[in-house]
């Protein structure tokens, strides 16, 4: 981790150096073509003029206004693509296009201003254009870097279109869902249209089995007028939900209102009573045999 951090710091220093050289080239371009003196020092201007003249003599850097600007743009582009920034959802490709277009027009298409002695206008347009190009370049670098890392866990290829229709009948249980597909969040349903075929819910402790599935099963079956046998391992969590929901939807059961019973082996004082070997429950010899075998 420390080696990676050192590499990132070294890369940031290199990018800063490239940007500084780019700014120096722009300033040198402004000095060469405007000769606006802001510091009253003869040796300073003589030294700067000698350095610029050597560059111009060697590689023609200041033969036209475009040469130094093109070199500055190249170094600026390299420094921007190595910049790491925070993603901003408000910055779109439209904003980037506007900034780059304005910057290119102001920075490159003002070559005629020094010829008619518009020196200060040339300086102003060049500086404003460079700032716009700098902003646009930084935004492009950020967008490209963040877009490349948007799907680092391959969510796009692993996502698929799911059921978005609500398929209801008199027995169904419909679980609302929310899924990600084609870079958008969609709402859908898991439609258990035939709960009599049995359902199983698997998940680690705390994964939300009861909250997402079991509670919906209990509530929707009560709303449809079904009786329920609920094994409440974490009593009274599910029992409270079932009892309160039953009180609010008793009208769905018609004339014969259901009753609510609790069998609690851990706390018999707060439990209803039942006789599992009552004769009324024994319809044949097999029932009696199974009951006695279980008790013994």
C-alpha atoms as a PDB file:
ATOM      1  CA  UNK A   1       0.000   0.000   0.000  1.00  0.00           C
ATOM      2  CA  UNK A   2       2.846   2.431   0.864  1.00  0.00           C
ATOM      3  CA  UNK A   3       4.560   1.693  -2.460  1.00  0.00           C
ATOM      4  CA  UNK A   4       1.323   2.491  -4.306  1.00  0.00           C
ATOM      5  CA  UNK A   5       0.903   5.739  -2.383  1.00  0.00           C
ATOM      6  CA  UNK A   6       4.480   6.736  -3.206  1.00  0.00           C
ATOM      7  CA  UNK A   7       3.824   6.057  -6.895  1.00  0.00           C
ATOM      8  CA  UNK A   8       0.684   8.214  -6.787  1.00  0.00           C
ATOM      9  CA  UNK A   9       2.581  11.072  -5.148  1.00  0.00           C
ATOM     10  CA  UNK A  10       5.331  10.828  -7.757  1.00  0.00           C
ATOM     11  CA  UNK A  11       2.744  10.838 -10.548  1.00  0.00           C
ATOM     12  CA  UNK A  12       1.040  13.898  -9.036  1.00  0.00           C
ATOM     13  CA  UNK A  13       4.385  15.747  -8.922  1.00  0.00           C
ATOM     14  CA  UNK A  14       5.061  14.912 -12.575  1.00  0.00           C
ATOM     15  CA  UNK A  15       1.614  16.178 -13.585  1.00  0.00           C
ATOM     16  CA  UNK A  16       2.136  19.390 -11.624  1.00  0.00           C
ATOM     17  CA  UNK A  17       5.493  19.895 -13.330  1.00  0.00           C
ATOM     18  CA  UNK A  18       3.973  19.418 -16.803  1.00  0.00           C
ATOM     19  CA  UNK A  19       1.234  21.909 -15.992  1.00  0.00           C
ATOM     20  CA  UNK A  20       3.782  24.415 -14.685  1.00  0.00           C
ATOM     21  CA  UNK A  21       5.821  24.106 -17.911  1.00  0.00           C
ATOM     22  CA  UNK A  22       2.622  24.628 -19.902  1.00  0.00           C
ATOM     23  CA  UNK A  23       1.866  27.825 -17.971  1.00  0.00           C
ATOM     24  CA  UNK A  24       5.455  29.034 -18.480  1.00  0.00           C
ATOM     25  CA  UNK A  25       5.087  28.550 -22.248  1.00  0.00           C
ATOM     26  CA  UNK A  26       1.866  30.572 -22.264  1.00  0.00           C
ATOM     27  CA  UNK A  27       3.488  33.386 -20.269  1.00  0.00           C
ATOM     28  CA  UNK A  28       6.503  33.341 -22.591  1.00  0.00           C
ATOM     29  CA  UNK A  29       4.163  33.538 -25.576  1.00  0.00           C
ATOM     30  CA  UNK A  30       2.430  36.581 -24.095  1.00  0.00           C
ATOM     31  CA  UNK A  31       5.749  38.280 -23.402  1.00  0.00           C
ATOM     32  CA  UNK A  32       7.196  37.605 -26.853  1.00  0.00           C
ATOM     33  CA  UNK A  33       4.216  38.876 -28.820  1.00  0.00           C
ATOM     34  CA  UNK A  34       3.128  41.776 -26.565  1.00  0.00           C
ATOM     35  CA  UNK A  35       6.323  42.905 -24.801  1.00  0.00           C
ATOM     36  CA  UNK A  36       4.261  44.334 -21.949  1.00  0.00           C
ATOM     37  CA  UNK A  37       6.681  45.255 -19.173  1.00  0.00           C
ATOM     38  CA  UNK A  38       5.374  44.859 -15.661  1.00  0.00           C
ATOM     39  CA  UNK A  39       8.644  44.699 -13.730  1.00  0.00           C
ATOM     40  CA  UNK A  40      11.057  47.628 -13.857  1.00  0.00           C
ATOM     41  CA  UNK A  41      14.223  45.567 -14.184  1.00  0.00           C
ATOM     42  CA  UNK A  42      16.387  45.675 -17.260  1.00  0.00           C
ATOM     43  CA  UNK A  43      18.371  42.507 -16.512  1.00  0.00           C
ATOM     44  CA  UNK A  44      15.162  40.513 -16.058  1.00  0.00           C
ATOM     45  CA  UNK A  45      13.819  41.391 -19.507  1.00  0.00           C
ATOM     46  CA  UNK A  46      17.196  40.959 -21.150  1.00  0.00           C
ATOM     47  CA  UNK A  47      17.564  37.470 -19.636  1.00  0.00           C
ATOM     48  CA  UNK A  48      14.021  36.436 -20.563  1.00  0.00           C
ATOM     49  CA  UNK A  49      14.452  37.793 -24.071  1.00  0.00           C
ATOM     50  CA  UNK A  50      17.728  35.924 -24.503  1.00  0.00           C
ATOM     51  CA  UNK A  51      16.142  32.605 -23.391  1.00  0.00           C
ATOM     52  CA  UNK A  52      13.087  33.059 -25.631  1.00  0.00           C
ATOM     53  CA  UNK A  53      15.277  34.062 -28.586  1.00  0.00           C
ATOM     54  CA  UNK A  54      17.397  30.920 -28.153  1.00  0.00           C
ATOM     55  CA  UNK A  55      14.271  28.731 -28.141  1.00  0.00           C
ATOM     56  CA  UNK A  56      12.934  30.545 -31.179  1.00  0.00           C
ATOM     57  CA  UNK A  57      16.232  30.188 -33.023  1.00  0.00           C
ATOM     58  CA  UNK A  58      16.540  26.486 -32.187  1.00  0.00           C
ATOM     59  CA  UNK A  59      13.013  25.171 -32.734  1.00  0.00           C
ATOM     60  CA  UNK A  60      10.991  28.138 -33.975  1.00  0.00           C
ATOM     61  CA  UNK A  61       8.924  28.157 -30.807  1.00  0.00           C
ATOM     62  CA  UNK A  62       7.832  31.786 -31.249  1.00  0.00           C
ATOM     63  CA  UNK A  63       7.876  32.057 -35.024  1.00  0.00           C
ATOM     64  CA  UNK A  64       4.039  32.194 -34.872  1.00  0.00           C
ATOM     65  CA  UNK A  65       1.549  32.550 -32.061  1.00  0.00           C
ATOM     66  CA  UNK A  66       0.408  28.954 -32.553  1.00  0.00           C
ATOM     67  CA  UNK A  67       3.668  27.108 -31.913  1.00  0.00           C
ATOM     68  CA  UNK A  68       4.105  27.841 -28.218  1.00  0.00           C
ATOM     69  CA  UNK A  69       0.357  27.493 -27.663  1.00  0.00           C
ATOM     70  CA  UNK A  70       0.271  24.040 -29.237  1.00  0.00           C
ATOM     71  CA  UNK A  71       3.159  22.869 -27.065  1.00  0.00           C
ATOM     72  CA  UNK A  72       1.387  24.336 -24.028  1.00  0.00           C
ATOM     73  CA  UNK A  73      -1.858  22.539 -24.978  1.00  0.00           C
ATOM     74  CA  UNK A  74      -0.024  19.226 -25.365  1.00  0.00           C
ATOM     75  CA  UNK A  75       1.558  19.513 -21.908  1.00  0.00           C
ATOM     76  CA  UNK A  76      -1.763  20.672 -20.448  1.00  0.00           C
ATOM     77  CA  UNK A  77      -3.556  17.632 -21.898  1.00  0.00           C
ATOM     78  CA  UNK A  78      -0.985  15.246 -20.431  1.00  0.00           C
ATOM     79  CA  UNK A  79      -1.247  16.862 -17.010  1.00  0.00           C
ATOM     80  CA  UNK A  80      -5.074  16.794 -17.035  1.00  0.00           C
ATOM     81  CA  UNK A  81      -5.350  13.108 -17.911  1.00  0.00           C
ATOM     82  CA  UNK A  82      -3.108  12.249 -14.981  1.00  0.00           C
ATOM     83  CA  UNK A  83      -5.235  14.213 -12.520  1.00  0.00           C
ATOM     84  CA  UNK A  84      -7.285  12.310  -9.968  1.00  0.00           C
ATOM     85  CA  UNK A  85     -10.406  14.154  -8.871  1.00  0.00           C
ATOM     86  CA  UNK A  86     -13.763  13.649  -7.199  1.00  0.00           C
ATOM     87  CA  UNK A  87     -16.670  12.664  -9.407  1.00  0.00           C
ATOM     88  CA  UNK A  88     -19.279  15.381  -9.820  1.00  0.00           C
ATOM     89  CA  UNK A  89     -22.653  14.308 -11.217  1.00  0.00           C
ATOM     90  CA  UNK A  90     -23.453  17.905 -12.242  1.00  0.00           C
ATOM     91  CA  UNK A  91     -20.605  17.987 -14.767  1.00  0.00           C
ATOM     92  CA  UNK A  92     -21.818  16.489 -18.043  1.00  0.00           C
ATOM     93  CA  UNK A  93     -20.231  16.091 -21.465  1.00  0.00           C
ATOM     94  CA  UNK A  94     -22.295  19.092 -22.579  1.00  0.00           C
ATOM     95  CA  UNK A  95     -20.610  21.322 -19.993  1.00  0.00           C
ATOM     96  CA  UNK A  96     -17.233  19.939 -21.008  1.00  0.00           C
ATOM     97  CA  UNK A  97     -17.908  20.617 -24.705  1.00  0.00           C
ATOM     98  CA  UNK A  98     -18.932  24.215 -23.995  1.00  0.00           C
ATOM     99  CA  UNK A  99     -15.844  24.889 -21.863  1.00  0.00           C
ATOM    100  CA  UNK A 100     -13.446  23.334 -24.397  1.00  0.00           C
ATOM    101  CA  UNK A 101     -15.064  25.148 -27.342  1.00  0.00           C
ATOM    102  CA  UNK A 102     -14.943  28.545 -25.649  1.00  0.00           C
ATOM    103  CA  UNK A 103     -11.374  27.921 -24.520  1.00  0.00           C
ATOM    104  CA  UNK A 104     -10.205  26.866 -27.993  1.00  0.00           C
ATOM    105  CA  UNK A 105     -11.796  29.913 -29.631  1.00  0.00           C
ATOM    106  CA  UNK A 106     -10.311  32.366 -27.137  1.00  0.00           C
ATOM    107  CA  UNK A 107      -6.926  30.674 -26.920  1.00  0.00           C
ATOM    108  CA  UNK A 108      -6.209  29.918 -30.567  1.00  0.00           C
ATOM    109  CA  UNK A 109      -8.202  32.353 -32.684  1.00  0.00           C
ATOM    110  CA  UNK A 110      -6.751  35.581 -31.303  1.00  0.00           C
ATOM    111  CA  UNK A 111      -3.568  35.495 -33.395  1.00  0.00           C
ATOM    112  CA  UNK A 112      -4.501  38.695 -35.228  1.00  0.00           C
ATOM    113  CA  UNK A 113      -4.741  40.882 -32.123  1.00  0.00           C
ATOM    114  CA  UNK A 114      -0.994  41.627 -31.665  1.00  0.00           C
ATOM    115  CA  UNK A 115      -0.774  42.767 -35.296  1.00  0.00           C
ATOM    116  CA  UNK A 116      -3.190  45.635 -34.606  1.00  0.00           C
ATOM    117  CA  UNK A 117      -1.678  46.444 -31.200  1.00  0.00           C
ATOM    118  CA  UNK A 118      -4.478  44.920 -29.132  1.00  0.00           C
ATOM    119  CA  UNK A 119      -1.919  43.664 -26.670  1.00  0.00           C
ATOM    120  CA  UNK A 120      -4.013  43.683 -23.512  1.00  0.00           C
ATOM    121  CA  UNK A 121      -6.977  42.116 -25.300  1.00  0.00           C
ATOM    122  CA  UNK A 122      -4.645  39.406 -26.579  1.00  0.00           C
ATOM    123  CA  UNK A 123      -3.421  38.751 -23.040  1.00  0.00           C
ATOM    124  CA  UNK A 124      -6.954  38.661 -21.612  1.00  0.00           C
ATOM    125  CA  UNK A 125      -8.360  36.311 -24.257  1.00  0.00           C
ATOM    126  CA  UNK A 126      -5.341  34.011 -24.046  1.00  0.00           C
ATOM    127  CA  UNK A 127      -5.562  33.739 -20.262  1.00  0.00           C
ATOM    128  CA  UNK A 128      -9.345  33.192 -20.275  1.00  0.00           C
ATOM    129  CA  UNK A 129      -9.055  30.610 -23.037  1.00  0.00           C
ATOM    130  CA  UNK A 130      -6.305  28.755 -21.178  1.00  0.00           C
ATOM    131  CA  UNK A 131      -8.383  28.678 -17.991  1.00  0.00           C
ATOM    132  CA  UNK A 132     -11.396  27.282 -19.904  1.00  0.00           C
ATOM    133  CA  UNK A 133      -9.226  24.625 -21.537  1.00  0.00           C
ATOM    134  CA  UNK A 134      -7.732  23.764 -18.152  1.00  0.00           C
ATOM    135  CA  UNK A 135     -11.191  23.311 -16.634  1.00  0.00           C
ATOM    136  CA  UNK A 136     -12.394  21.258 -19.596  1.00  0.00           C
ATOM    137  CA  UNK A 137      -9.290  19.067 -19.528  1.00  0.00           C
ATOM    138  CA  UNK A 138      -9.622  18.370 -15.801  1.00  0.00           C
ATOM    139  CA  UNK A 139     -13.316  17.501 -16.228  1.00  0.00           C
ATOM    140  CA  UNK A 140     -12.524  15.161 -19.138  1.00  0.00           C
ATOM    141  CA  UNK A 141      -9.851  13.405 -17.098  1.00  0.00           C
ATOM    142  CA  UNK A 142     -12.206  12.947 -14.168  1.00  0.00           C
ATOM    143  CA  UNK A 143     -15.070  11.710 -16.330  1.00  0.00           C
ATOM    144  CA  UNK A 144     -12.887   9.177 -18.124  1.00  0.00           C
ATOM    145  CA  UNK A 145     -11.329   7.872 -14.932  1.00  0.00           C
ATOM    146  CA  UNK A 146     -14.660   7.563 -13.118  1.00  0.00           C
ATOM    147  CA  UNK A 147     -16.427   6.015 -16.106  1.00  0.00           C
ATOM    148  CA  UNK A 148     -13.732   3.356 -16.315  1.00  0.00           C
ATOM    149  CA  UNK A 149     -14.274   2.497 -12.662  1.00  0.00           C
ATOM    150  CA  UNK A 150     -18.082   2.692 -12.651  1.00  0.00           C
ATOM    151  CA  UNK A 151     -18.507  -1.041 -13.181  1.00  0.00           C
ATOM    152  CA  UNK A 152     -15.555  -2.393 -11.243  1.00  0.00           C
ATOM    153  CA  UNK A 153     -17.635  -5.367 -10.005  1.00  0.00           C
ATOM    154  CA  UNK A 154     -19.086  -6.184 -13.448  1.00  0.00           C
ATOM    155  CA  UNK A 155     -22.615  -5.282 -12.356  1.00  0.00           C
ATOM    156  CA  UNK A 156     -23.689  -4.387 -15.900  1.00  0.00           C
ATOM    157  CA  UNK A 157     -22.945  -7.814 -17.354  1.00  0.00           C
ATOM    158  CA  UNK A 158     -24.449  -9.611 -14.377  1.00  0.00           C
ATOM    159  CA  UNK A 159     -27.707  -7.646 -14.365  1.00  0.00           C
ATOM    160  CA  UNK A 160     -30.794  -8.634 -16.350  1.00  0.00           C
ATOM    161  CA  UNK A 161     -34.358  -7.467 -16.851  1.00  0.00           C
ATOM    162  CA  UNK A 162     -36.675  -8.841 -14.167  1.00  0.00           C
ATOM    163  CA  UNK A 163     -40.431  -9.035 -13.833  1.00  0.00           C
ATOM    164  CA  UNK A 164     -42.007  -5.605 -13.519  1.00  0.00           C
ATOM    165  CA  UNK A 165     -45.679  -6.660 -13.786  1.00  0.00           C
ATOM    166  CA  UNK A 166     -47.899  -7.209 -10.756  1.00  0.00           C
ATOM    167  CA  UNK A 167     -49.504 -10.643 -11.277  1.00  0.00           C
ATOM    168  CA  UNK A 168     -52.220 -11.055  -8.681  1.00  0.00           C
ATOM    169  CA  UNK A 169     -54.820 -13.693  -7.986  1.00  0.00           C
ATOM    170  CA  UNK A 170     -56.814 -14.817  -4.956  1.00  0.00           C
ATOM    171  CA  UNK A 171     -53.893 -16.883  -3.607  1.00  0.00           C
ATOM    172  CA  UNK A 172     -50.807 -14.972  -4.772  1.00  0.00           C
ATOM    173  CA  UNK A 173     -48.100 -13.311  -2.724  1.00  0.00           C
ATOM    174  CA  UNK A 174     -46.411 -10.361  -4.461  1.00  0.00           C
ATOM    175  CA  UNK A 175     -43.070  -9.129  -3.161  1.00  0.00           C
ATOM    176  CA  UNK A 176     -41.967  -5.652  -4.364  1.00  0.00           C
ATOM    177  CA  UNK A 177     -38.392  -5.500  -5.659  1.00  0.00           C
ATOM    178  CA  UNK A 178     -35.889  -2.936  -6.870  1.00  0.00           C
ATOM    179  CA  UNK A 179     -33.172  -3.960  -9.342  1.00  0.00           C
ATOM    180  CA  UNK A 180     -30.411  -2.346 -11.399  1.00  0.00           C
ATOM    181  CA  UNK A 181     -30.402  -2.843 -15.165  1.00  0.00           C
ATOM    182  CA  UNK A 182     -28.916  -0.802 -18.028  1.00  0.00           C
ATOM    183  CA  UNK A 183     -27.567   1.864 -15.638  1.00  0.00           C
ATOM    184  CA  UNK A 184     -31.019   2.515 -14.177  1.00  0.00           C
ATOM    185  CA  UNK A 185     -32.926   1.400 -11.110  1.00  0.00           C
ATOM    186  CA  UNK A 186     -36.227  -0.341 -11.851  1.00  0.00           C
ATOM    187  CA  UNK A 187     -39.121  -1.438  -9.642  1.00  0.00           C
ATOM    188  CA  UNK A 188     -40.639  -4.874 -10.080  1.00  0.00           C
ATOM    189  CA  UNK A 189     -42.305  -7.793  -8.311  1.00  0.00           C
ATOM    190  CA  UNK A 190     -41.588 -11.370  -7.341  1.00  0.00           C
ATOM    191  CA  UNK A 191     -44.980 -12.951  -8.005  1.00  0.00           C
ATOM    192  CA  UNK A 192     -45.644 -16.176  -6.095  1.00  0.00           C
ATOM    193  CA  UNK A 193     -48.840 -16.986  -7.974  1.00  0.00           C
ATOM    194  CA  UNK A 194     -49.211 -20.470  -6.462  1.00  0.00           C
ATOM    195  CA  UNK A 195     -47.994 -20.519  -2.849  1.00  0.00           C
ATOM    196  CA  UNK A 196     -49.448 -24.031  -2.362  1.00  0.00           C
ATOM    197  CA  UNK A 197     -46.422 -25.474  -4.169  1.00  0.00           C
ATOM    198  CA  UNK A 198     -44.361 -24.451  -1.094  1.00  0.00           C
ATOM    199  CA  UNK A 199     -41.727 -21.734  -0.782  1.00  0.00           C
ATOM    200  CA  UNK A 200     -38.335 -21.753   0.898  1.00  0.00           C
ATOM    201  CA  UNK A 201     -36.339 -18.713   1.986  1.00  0.00           C
ATOM    202  CA  UNK A 202     -32.602 -19.100   2.558  1.00  0.00           C
ATOM    203  CA  UNK A 203     -30.174 -16.527   3.901  1.00  0.00           C
ATOM    204  CA  UNK A 204     -27.607 -15.827   6.575  1.00  0.00           C
ATOM    205  CA  UNK A 205     -28.701 -14.391   9.949  1.00  0.00           C
ATOM    206  CA  UNK A 206     -29.518 -10.723   9.608  1.00  0.00           C
ATOM    207  CA  UNK A 207     -29.814 -10.796   5.801  1.00  0.00           C
ATOM    208  CA  UNK A 208     -33.448  -9.637   5.904  1.00  0.00           C
ATOM    209  CA  UNK A 209     -35.411 -12.845   5.310  1.00  0.00           C
ATOM    210  CA  UNK A 210     -38.218 -11.925   7.677  1.00  0.00           C
ATOM    211  CA  UNK A 211     -38.348  -8.262   6.694  1.00  0.00           C
ATOM    212  CA  UNK A 212     -38.342  -8.814   2.925  1.00  0.00           C
ATOM    213  CA  UNK A 213     -40.277 -12.077   2.536  1.00  0.00           C
ATOM    214  CA  UNK A 214     -41.816 -13.635   5.649  1.00  0.00           C
ATOM    215  CA  UNK A 215     -43.599 -10.510   6.860  1.00  0.00           C
ATOM    216  CA  UNK A 216     -45.100  -9.951   3.415  1.00  0.00           C
ATOM    217  CA  UNK A 217     -46.278 -13.564   3.254  1.00  0.00           C
ATOM    218  CA  UNK A 218     -47.997 -13.260   6.638  1.00  0.00           C
ATOM    219  CA  UNK A 219     -49.657  -9.923   5.907  1.00  0.00           C
ATOM    220  CA  UNK A 220     -50.864 -10.749   2.396  1.00  0.00           C
ATOM    221  CA  UNK A 221     -52.244 -14.174   3.410  1.00  0.00           C
ATOM    222  CA  UNK A 222     -54.147 -12.586   6.284  1.00  0.00           C
ATOM    223  CA  UNK A 223     -55.524  -9.923   3.925  1.00  0.00           C
ATOM    224  CA  UNK A 224     -56.767 -12.692   1.602  1.00  0.00           C
ATOM    225  CA  UNK A 225     -58.581 -14.455   4.470  1.00  0.00           C
ATOM    226  CA  UNK A 226     -56.315 -17.472   5.018  1.00  0.00           C
ATOM    227  CA  UNK A 227     -55.565 -19.195   8.300  1.00  0.00           C
ATOM    228  CA  UNK A 228     -51.881 -19.421   9.206  1.00  0.00           C
ATOM    229  CA  UNK A 229     -49.712 -21.617  11.399  1.00  0.00           C
ATOM    230  CA  UNK A 230     -46.655 -19.538  12.280  1.00  0.00           C
ATOM    231  CA  UNK A 231     -43.561 -20.938  13.957  1.00  0.00           C
ATOM    232  CA  UNK A 232     -42.163 -17.873  15.686  1.00  0.00           C
ATOM    233  CA  UNK A 233     -38.587 -18.740  16.597  1.00  0.00           C
ATOM    234  CA  UNK A 234     -37.928 -15.185  17.862  1.00  0.00           C
ATOM    235  CA  UNK A 235     -41.211 -14.863  19.738  1.00  0.00           C
ATOM    236  CA  UNK A 236     -43.010 -12.460  19.767  1.00  0.00           C
ATOM    237  CA  UNK A 237     -41.659 -10.803  16.575  1.00  0.00           C
ATOM    238  CA  UNK A 238     -43.817 -12.551  13.973  1.00  0.00           C
ATOM    239  CA  UNK A 239     -46.685 -13.088  16.423  1.00  0.00           C
ATOM    240  CA  UNK A 240     -47.016  -9.349  17.020  1.00  0.00           C
ATOM    241  CA  UNK A 241     -47.106  -8.638  13.284  1.00  0.00           C
ATOM    242  CA  UNK A 242     -49.683 -11.365  12.653  1.00  0.00           C
ATOM    243  CA  UNK A 243     -51.916 -10.338  15.584  1.00  0.00           C
ATOM    244  CA  UNK A 244     -51.954  -6.629  14.746  1.00  0.00           C
ATOM    245  CA  UNK A 245     -52.539  -7.301  11.050  1.00  0.00           C
ATOM    246  CA  UNK A 246     -55.361  -9.683  11.877  1.00  0.00           C
ATOM    247  CA  UNK A 247     -57.082  -7.037  13.986  1.00  0.00           C
ATOM    248  CA  UNK A 248     -56.970  -4.607  11.040  1.00  0.00           C
ATOM    249  CA  UNK A 249     -58.266  -7.117   8.450  1.00  0.00           C
ATOM    250  CA  UNK A 250     -60.841  -9.224  10.272  1.00  0.00           C
ATOM    251  CA  UNK A 251     -63.488  -8.179   7.726  1.00  0.00           C
ATOM    252  CA  UNK A 252     -61.760 -10.260   5.058  1.00  0.00           C
ATOM    253  CA  UNK A 253     -62.793 -13.504   6.786  1.00  0.00           C
ATOM    254  CA  UNK A 254     -66.523 -13.061   6.327  1.00  0.00           C
ATOM    255  CA  UNK A 255     -68.997 -14.079   8.988  1.00  0.00           C
ATOM    256  CA  UNK A 256     -66.798 -16.612  10.793  1.00  0.00           C
ATOM    257  CA  UNK A 257     -64.144 -14.494  12.506  1.00  0.00           C
ATOM    258  CA  UNK A 258     -60.816 -16.216  13.171  1.00  0.00           C
ATOM    259  CA  UNK A 259     -59.300 -16.636  16.618  1.00  0.00           C
ATOM    260  CA  UNK A 260     -55.699 -16.057  17.593  1.00  0.00           C
ATOM    261  CA  UNK A 261     -53.861 -18.621  19.727  1.00  0.00           C
ATOM    262  CA  UNK A 262     -50.298 -18.843  20.990  1.00  0.00           C
ATOM    263  CA  UNK A 263     -48.588 -22.071  22.065  1.00  0.00           C
ATOM    264  CA  UNK A 264     -45.439 -21.199  23.984  1.00  0.00           C
ATOM    265  CA  UNK A 265     -43.472 -24.085  25.502  1.00  0.00           C
ATOM    266  CA  UNK A 266     -40.867 -21.763  27.007  1.00  0.00           C
ATOM    267  CA  UNK A 267     -43.422 -19.732  28.988  1.00  0.00           C
ATOM    268  CA  UNK A 268     -46.518 -21.889  29.598  1.00  0.00           C
ATOM    269  CA  UNK A 269     -48.119 -19.253  31.846  1.00  0.00           C
ATOM    270  CA  UNK A 270     -48.504 -17.033  28.780  1.00  0.00           C
ATOM    271  CA  UNK A 271     -49.634 -19.784  26.470  1.00  0.00           C
ATOM    272  CA  UNK A 272     -52.908 -21.282  25.385  1.00  0.00           C
ATOM    273  CA  UNK A 273     -53.596 -24.958  26.159  1.00  0.00           C
ATOM    274  CA  UNK A 274     -54.090 -27.791  23.703  1.00  0.00           C
ATOM    275  CA  UNK A 275     -54.369 -31.586  23.869  1.00  0.00           C
ATOM    276  CA  UNK A 276     -52.483 -33.161  20.959  1.00  0.00           C
ATOM    277  CA  UNK A 277     -53.894 -36.650  21.766  1.00  0.00           C
ATOM    278  CA  UNK A 278     -57.511 -35.610  22.051  1.00  0.00           C
ATOM    279  CA  UNK A 279     -59.790 -38.379  20.704  1.00  0.00           C
ATOM    280  CA  UNK A 280     -61.366 -35.966  18.235  1.00  0.00           C
ATOM    281  CA  UNK A 281     -57.978 -35.723  16.492  1.00  0.00           C
ATOM    282  CA  UNK A 282     -57.657 -39.489  16.089  1.00  0.00           C
ATOM    283  CA  UNK A 283     -59.467 -40.438  12.910  1.00  0.00           C
ATOM    284  CA  UNK A 284     -57.823 -43.850  12.521  1.00  0.00           C
ATOM    285  CA  UNK A 285     -55.296 -46.223  14.118  1.00  0.00           C
ATOM    286  CA  UNK A 286     -52.403 -44.596  12.273  1.00  0.00           C
ATOM    287  CA  UNK A 287     -53.001 -41.277  14.052  1.00  0.00           C
ATOM    288  CA  UNK A 288     -53.054 -42.997  17.428  1.00  0.00           C
ATOM    289  CA  UNK A 289     -49.875 -44.926  16.611  1.00  0.00           C
ATOM    290  CA  UNK A 290     -47.998 -41.792  15.477  1.00  0.00           C
ATOM    291  CA  UNK A 291     -49.075 -39.820  18.553  1.00  0.00           C
ATOM    292  CA  UNK A 292     -48.105 -42.529  21.030  1.00  0.00           C
ATOM    293  CA  UNK A 293     -44.799 -43.148  19.229  1.00  0.00           C
ATOM    294  CA  UNK A 294     -43.926 -39.432  19.379  1.00  0.00           C
ATOM    295  CA  UNK A 295     -44.820 -39.164  23.095  1.00  0.00           C
ATOM    296  CA  UNK A 296     -42.951 -42.326  24.086  1.00  0.00           C
END
